[in-house]
């Protein structure tokens, strides 16, 4: 099965981003394909390379590593990024900033789209 994932929450606001990461890992372990992950609204904070949580695992770095190891497309919404001060200089490697057209492509190419947060 091909999954698209939408993340609406930052990495340390709620469990949504962590649940999304765990879902992606579990799906990949069962040989499902992740066609893309779209970080929208406060979810774009997952792309911030300046987050260095003391005593916590760095969820943002885990997303970046996921892209590095598997090539999964990690997209931060350009509108959400603009509102929240995110740009290419602040984004971790493996994240790119793009518009809602990329979300439409993920939806088109996926059998199911799972949204985390809200």
N, C-alpha and C. Protein backbone atom coordinates (compact mmCIF):
# COMPACT_ATOMS: atom_id res chain seq x y z
N UNK A 1 0.84 -1.17 0.00
CA UNK A 1 0.00 0.00 0.00
C UNK A 1 0.89 1.24 0.00
N UNK A 2 0.43 2.28 -0.64
CA UNK A 2 1.14 3.56 -0.70
C UNK A 2 0.43 4.55 0.23
N UNK A 3 1.21 5.11 1.16
CA UNK A 3 0.66 6.06 2.12
C UNK A 3 1.25 7.45 1.89
N UNK A 4 0.40 8.45 2.05
CA UNK A 4 0.82 9.83 2.19
C UNK A 4 0.56 10.23 3.62
N UNK A 5 1.40 11.10 4.16
CA UNK A 5 1.28 11.49 5.56
C UNK A 5 1.26 13.02 5.63
N UNK A 6 0.35 13.55 6.43
CA UNK A 6 0.27 14.99 6.69
C UNK A 6 0.47 15.19 8.19
N UNK A 7 1.42 16.07 8.54
CA UNK A 7 1.73 16.36 9.94
C UNK A 7 1.34 17.81 10.21
N UNK A 8 0.43 18.02 11.17
CA UNK A 8 -0.10 19.35 11.45
C UNK A 8 0.43 19.97 12.74
N UNK A 9 1.22 19.25 13.51
CA UNK A 9 1.69 19.74 14.81
C UNK A 9 3.21 19.74 14.87
N UNK A 10 3.75 20.64 15.67
CA UNK A 10 5.18 20.69 15.90
C UNK A 10 5.66 19.47 16.66
N UNK A 11 6.98 19.28 16.73
CA UNK A 11 7.50 18.06 17.34
C UNK A 11 7.31 17.95 18.84
N UNK A 12 7.08 19.06 19.53
CA UNK A 12 6.99 18.99 20.99
C UNK A 12 5.73 19.63 21.54
N UNK A 13 4.72 19.87 20.68
CA UNK A 13 3.45 20.43 21.14
C UNK A 13 2.52 19.33 21.64
N UNK A 14 2.39 18.31 20.81
CA UNK A 14 1.50 17.19 21.08
C UNK A 14 2.23 15.92 20.64
N UNK A 15 1.57 14.82 20.70
CA UNK A 15 2.18 13.56 20.27
C UNK A 15 1.99 13.31 18.78
N UNK A 16 1.33 14.21 18.07
CA UNK A 16 0.99 13.97 16.67
C UNK A 16 2.21 13.73 15.80
N UNK A 17 3.23 14.56 15.91
CA UNK A 17 4.42 14.40 15.08
C UNK A 17 5.15 13.11 15.41
N UNK A 18 5.24 12.80 16.69
CA UNK A 18 5.88 11.55 17.11
C UNK A 18 5.08 10.34 16.61
N UNK A 19 3.76 10.42 16.72
CA UNK A 19 2.91 9.32 16.22
C UNK A 19 3.07 9.16 14.71
N UNK A 20 3.18 10.27 14.00
CA UNK A 20 3.40 10.21 12.55
C UNK A 20 4.71 9.52 12.23
N UNK A 21 5.76 9.88 12.95
CA UNK A 21 7.06 9.26 12.73
C UNK A 21 7.00 7.75 12.99
N UNK A 22 6.37 7.38 14.11
CA UNK A 22 6.24 5.95 14.45
C UNK A 22 5.42 5.21 13.39
N UNK A 23 4.35 5.86 12.88
CA UNK A 23 3.55 5.25 11.83
C UNK A 23 4.39 5.01 10.58
N UNK A 24 5.15 6.01 10.18
CA UNK A 24 5.98 5.89 8.97
C UNK A 24 6.99 4.75 9.14
N UNK A 25 7.62 4.68 10.29
CA UNK A 25 8.59 3.61 10.53
C UNK A 25 7.91 2.23 10.48
N UNK A 26 6.75 2.11 11.11
CA UNK A 26 6.03 0.83 11.12
C UNK A 26 5.56 0.44 9.72
N UNK A 27 5.06 1.41 8.96
CA UNK A 27 4.61 1.13 7.60
C UNK A 27 5.77 0.67 6.72
N UNK A 28 6.89 1.35 6.82
CA UNK A 28 8.06 0.98 6.02
C UNK A 28 8.57 -0.40 6.42
N UNK A 29 8.51 -0.74 7.71
CA UNK A 29 8.95 -2.05 8.17
C UNK A 29 8.10 -3.17 7.60
N UNK A 30 6.88 -2.83 7.22
CA UNK A 30 5.95 -3.82 6.63
C UNK A 30 5.90 -3.69 5.11
N UNK A 31 6.93 -3.06 4.55
CA UNK A 31 7.10 -2.91 3.10
C UNK A 31 6.03 -2.07 2.42
N UNK A 32 5.39 -1.17 3.16
CA UNK A 32 4.51 -0.20 2.54
C UNK A 32 5.36 0.97 2.05
N UNK A 33 4.87 1.67 1.06
CA UNK A 33 5.60 2.81 0.52
C UNK A 33 5.04 4.10 1.10
N UNK A 34 5.92 5.01 1.46
CA UNK A 34 5.53 6.35 1.89
C UNK A 34 5.81 7.27 0.70
N UNK A 35 4.75 7.76 0.06
CA UNK A 35 4.94 8.57 -1.16
C UNK A 35 5.35 10.00 -0.83
N UNK A 36 5.13 10.43 0.40
CA UNK A 36 5.55 11.77 0.81
C UNK A 36 4.97 12.12 2.16
N UNK A 37 5.65 13.06 2.82
CA UNK A 37 5.20 13.58 4.10
C UNK A 37 5.10 15.08 3.94
N UNK A 38 3.92 15.63 4.22
CA UNK A 38 3.67 17.06 4.07
C UNK A 38 3.49 17.66 5.45
N UNK A 39 4.35 18.60 5.81
CA UNK A 39 4.31 19.28 7.09
C UNK A 39 3.58 20.60 6.88
N UNK A 40 2.43 20.73 7.55
CA UNK A 40 1.52 21.84 7.31
C UNK A 40 1.20 22.53 8.63
N UNK A 41 0.83 23.80 8.58
CA UNK A 41 0.53 24.59 9.78
C UNK A 41 1.72 24.51 10.74
N UNK A 42 1.50 24.25 12.02
CA UNK A 42 2.62 24.18 12.96
C UNK A 42 3.53 22.98 12.72
N UNK A 43 3.09 22.06 11.88
CA UNK A 43 3.93 20.92 11.53
C UNK A 43 5.24 21.30 10.89
N UNK A 44 5.30 22.50 10.30
CA UNK A 44 6.54 22.91 9.65
C UNK A 44 7.68 23.07 10.67
N UNK A 45 7.36 23.22 11.95
CA UNK A 45 8.42 23.33 12.96
C UNK A 45 9.27 22.06 13.04
N UNK A 46 8.77 20.95 12.52
CA UNK A 46 9.55 19.72 12.47
C UNK A 46 10.79 19.87 11.61
N UNK A 47 10.79 20.83 10.69
CA UNK A 47 11.91 21.02 9.77
C UNK A 47 13.02 21.90 10.32
N UNK A 48 12.83 22.49 11.48
CA UNK A 48 13.76 23.49 12.03
C UNK A 48 15.04 22.84 12.55
N UNK A 49 16.18 23.19 11.94
CA UNK A 49 17.45 22.59 12.35
C UNK A 49 17.99 23.14 13.66
N UNK A 50 17.40 24.21 14.18
CA UNK A 50 17.89 24.81 15.41
C UNK A 50 17.26 24.20 16.67
N UNK A 51 16.37 23.25 16.51
CA UNK A 51 15.78 22.59 17.68
C UNK A 51 16.77 21.57 18.23
N UNK A 52 17.15 21.77 19.46
CA UNK A 52 18.08 20.85 20.12
C UNK A 52 17.54 20.59 21.52
N UNK A 53 16.53 19.75 21.62
CA UNK A 53 15.87 19.55 22.92
C UNK A 53 16.76 18.80 23.91
N UNK A 54 17.06 19.43 25.05
CA UNK A 54 17.88 18.75 26.05
C UNK A 54 17.09 17.64 26.73
N UNK A 55 17.67 16.48 26.80
CA UNK A 55 17.02 15.37 27.49
C UNK A 55 15.90 14.71 26.71
N UNK A 56 15.65 15.15 25.50
CA UNK A 56 14.61 14.56 24.66
C UNK A 56 15.24 14.09 23.36
N UNK A 57 14.61 13.15 22.72
CA UNK A 57 15.13 12.77 21.40
C UNK A 57 14.77 13.87 20.42
N UNK A 58 15.62 14.07 19.46
CA UNK A 58 15.43 15.15 18.50
C UNK A 58 14.60 14.62 17.33
N UNK A 59 13.30 14.82 17.41
CA UNK A 59 12.40 14.31 16.39
C UNK A 59 12.68 14.92 15.03
N UNK A 60 13.04 16.19 14.99
CA UNK A 60 13.36 16.84 13.72
C UNK A 60 14.54 16.14 13.04
N UNK A 61 15.56 15.82 13.81
CA UNK A 61 16.72 15.11 13.25
C UNK A 61 16.33 13.71 12.76
N UNK A 62 15.37 13.08 13.43
CA UNK A 62 14.91 11.76 12.99
C UNK A 62 14.20 11.84 11.64
N UNK A 63 13.39 12.91 11.43
CA UNK A 63 12.76 13.10 10.11
C UNK A 63 13.83 13.27 9.04
N UNK A 64 14.85 14.07 9.34
CA UNK A 64 15.93 14.32 8.39
C UNK A 64 16.66 13.01 8.06
N UNK A 65 16.93 12.23 9.08
CA UNK A 65 17.60 10.93 8.90
C UNK A 65 16.74 9.99 8.06
N UNK A 66 15.43 10.01 8.30
CA UNK A 66 14.51 9.18 7.51
C UNK A 66 14.66 9.50 6.02
N UNK A 67 14.68 10.78 5.69
CA UNK A 67 14.86 11.16 4.28
C UNK A 67 16.21 10.68 3.76
N UNK A 68 17.25 10.88 4.56
CA UNK A 68 18.61 10.50 4.15
C UNK A 68 18.70 9.01 3.87
N UNK A 69 18.09 8.20 4.71
CA UNK A 69 18.18 6.74 4.58
C UNK A 69 17.24 6.15 3.53
N UNK A 70 16.09 6.79 3.35
CA UNK A 70 15.07 6.15 2.49
C UNK A 70 14.66 6.99 1.28
N UNK A 71 15.00 8.27 1.30
CA UNK A 71 14.59 9.14 0.20
C UNK A 71 13.15 9.61 0.29
N UNK A 72 12.47 9.33 1.40
CA UNK A 72 11.08 9.78 1.57
C UNK A 72 11.05 11.30 1.44
N UNK A 73 10.12 11.79 0.64
CA UNK A 73 9.99 13.22 0.38
C UNK A 73 9.37 13.91 1.59
N UNK A 74 10.11 14.82 2.22
CA UNK A 74 9.63 15.59 3.37
C UNK A 74 9.47 17.04 2.92
N UNK A 75 8.21 17.51 2.90
CA UNK A 75 7.89 18.83 2.36
C UNK A 75 7.26 19.70 3.43
N UNK A 76 7.84 20.88 3.65
CA UNK A 76 7.25 21.88 4.55
C UNK A 76 6.47 22.86 3.70
N UNK A 77 5.24 23.13 4.07
CA UNK A 77 4.38 24.04 3.31
C UNK A 77 4.98 25.44 3.26
N UNK A 78 5.02 26.03 2.08
CA UNK A 78 5.62 27.35 1.91
C UNK A 78 4.83 28.43 2.65
N UNK A 79 3.51 28.36 2.63
CA UNK A 79 2.71 29.37 3.32
C UNK A 79 2.92 29.27 4.83
N UNK A 80 2.85 28.07 5.37
CA UNK A 80 3.09 27.88 6.80
C UNK A 80 4.50 28.27 7.19
N UNK A 81 5.44 28.00 6.30
CA UNK A 81 6.83 28.37 6.55
C UNK A 81 7.00 29.88 6.60
N UNK A 82 6.36 30.58 5.68
CA UNK A 82 6.45 32.04 5.64
C UNK A 82 5.89 32.64 6.92
N UNK A 83 4.74 32.17 7.36
CA UNK A 83 4.10 32.69 8.57
C UNK A 83 4.93 32.41 9.82
N UNK A 84 5.71 31.33 9.80
CA UNK A 84 6.44 30.91 10.99
C UNK A 84 7.94 31.18 10.92
N UNK A 85 8.37 31.91 9.92
CA UNK A 85 9.77 32.31 9.82
C UNK A 85 10.71 31.22 9.33
N UNK A 86 10.17 30.17 8.76
CA UNK A 86 10.99 29.07 8.25
C UNK A 86 11.44 29.41 6.83
N UNK A 87 12.69 29.09 6.52
CA UNK A 87 13.18 29.21 5.15
C UNK A 87 14.20 28.12 4.90
N UNK A 88 14.73 28.06 3.70
CA UNK A 88 15.68 27.00 3.33
C UNK A 88 16.92 27.01 4.22
N UNK A 89 17.33 28.18 4.71
CA UNK A 89 18.52 28.26 5.56
C UNK A 89 18.30 27.64 6.93
N UNK A 90 17.06 27.61 7.37
CA UNK A 90 16.72 27.08 8.70
C UNK A 90 16.33 25.60 8.62
N UNK A 91 15.91 25.15 7.45
CA UNK A 91 15.42 23.77 7.30
C UNK A 91 16.56 22.76 7.37
N UNK A 92 16.26 21.65 8.00
CA UNK A 92 17.21 20.54 8.08
C UNK A 92 17.42 19.93 6.69
N UNK A 93 18.55 19.28 6.48
CA UNK A 93 18.74 18.54 5.23
C UNK A 93 17.63 17.50 5.07
N UNK A 94 17.16 17.34 3.87
CA UNK A 94 16.09 16.38 3.60
C UNK A 94 14.72 17.01 3.55
N UNK A 95 14.58 18.21 4.08
CA UNK A 95 13.31 18.94 4.00
C UNK A 95 13.40 19.92 2.83
N UNK A 96 12.30 20.09 2.16
CA UNK A 96 12.22 21.15 1.17
C UNK A 96 10.94 21.92 1.41
N UNK A 97 10.94 23.16 0.98
CA UNK A 97 9.77 24.02 1.16
C UNK A 97 9.08 24.14 -0.18
N UNK A 98 7.79 23.83 -0.20
CA UNK A 98 7.02 23.85 -1.44
C UNK A 98 5.55 24.13 -1.13
N UNK A 99 4.78 24.33 -2.17
CA UNK A 99 3.38 24.70 -2.02
C UNK A 99 2.43 23.53 -1.92
N UNK A 100 1.15 23.88 -1.87
CA UNK A 100 0.11 22.87 -1.73
C UNK A 100 0.01 21.94 -2.93
N UNK A 101 0.59 22.35 -4.04
CA UNK A 101 0.65 21.44 -5.20
C UNK A 101 1.35 20.15 -4.85
N UNK A 102 2.37 20.23 -3.98
CA UNK A 102 3.07 19.02 -3.55
C UNK A 102 2.17 18.12 -2.71
N UNK A 103 1.31 18.74 -1.89
CA UNK A 103 0.33 17.94 -1.14
C UNK A 103 -0.63 17.25 -2.11
N UNK A 104 -1.06 17.97 -3.13
CA UNK A 104 -1.95 17.37 -4.14
C UNK A 104 -1.28 16.17 -4.82
N UNK A 105 0.02 16.28 -5.09
CA UNK A 105 0.75 15.16 -5.72
C UNK A 105 0.83 13.96 -4.77
N UNK A 106 1.06 14.24 -3.50
CA UNK A 106 1.10 13.15 -2.52
C UNK A 106 -0.25 12.45 -2.47
N UNK A 107 -1.32 13.24 -2.41
CA UNK A 107 -2.67 12.67 -2.37
C UNK A 107 -2.95 11.85 -3.63
N UNK A 108 -2.56 12.38 -4.77
CA UNK A 108 -2.80 11.69 -6.05
C UNK A 108 -2.05 10.36 -6.13
N UNK A 109 -0.84 10.32 -5.58
CA UNK A 109 0.00 9.12 -5.71
C UNK A 109 -0.19 8.10 -4.58
N UNK A 110 -0.95 8.45 -3.57
CA UNK A 110 -1.13 7.56 -2.42
C UNK A 110 -2.45 6.79 -2.53
N UNK A 111 -2.45 5.59 -1.96
CA UNK A 111 -3.70 4.85 -1.80
C UNK A 111 -4.50 5.40 -0.61
N UNK A 112 -3.77 5.82 0.42
CA UNK A 112 -4.39 6.39 1.62
C UNK A 112 -3.54 7.55 2.11
N UNK A 113 -4.19 8.57 2.66
CA UNK A 113 -3.50 9.69 3.27
C UNK A 113 -3.91 9.74 4.74
N UNK A 114 -2.92 9.76 5.60
CA UNK A 114 -3.14 9.76 7.03
C UNK A 114 -2.72 11.13 7.56
N UNK A 115 -3.58 11.78 8.36
CA UNK A 115 -3.28 13.08 8.92
C UNK A 115 -3.07 12.95 10.43
N UNK A 116 -2.00 13.56 10.92
CA UNK A 116 -1.70 13.54 12.34
C UNK A 116 -1.75 14.95 12.88
N UNK A 117 -2.58 15.18 13.89
CA UNK A 117 -2.74 16.49 14.49
C UNK A 117 -4.04 17.13 14.05
N UNK A 118 -4.25 18.32 14.52
CA UNK A 118 -5.46 18.97 14.07
C UNK A 118 -6.04 19.91 15.01
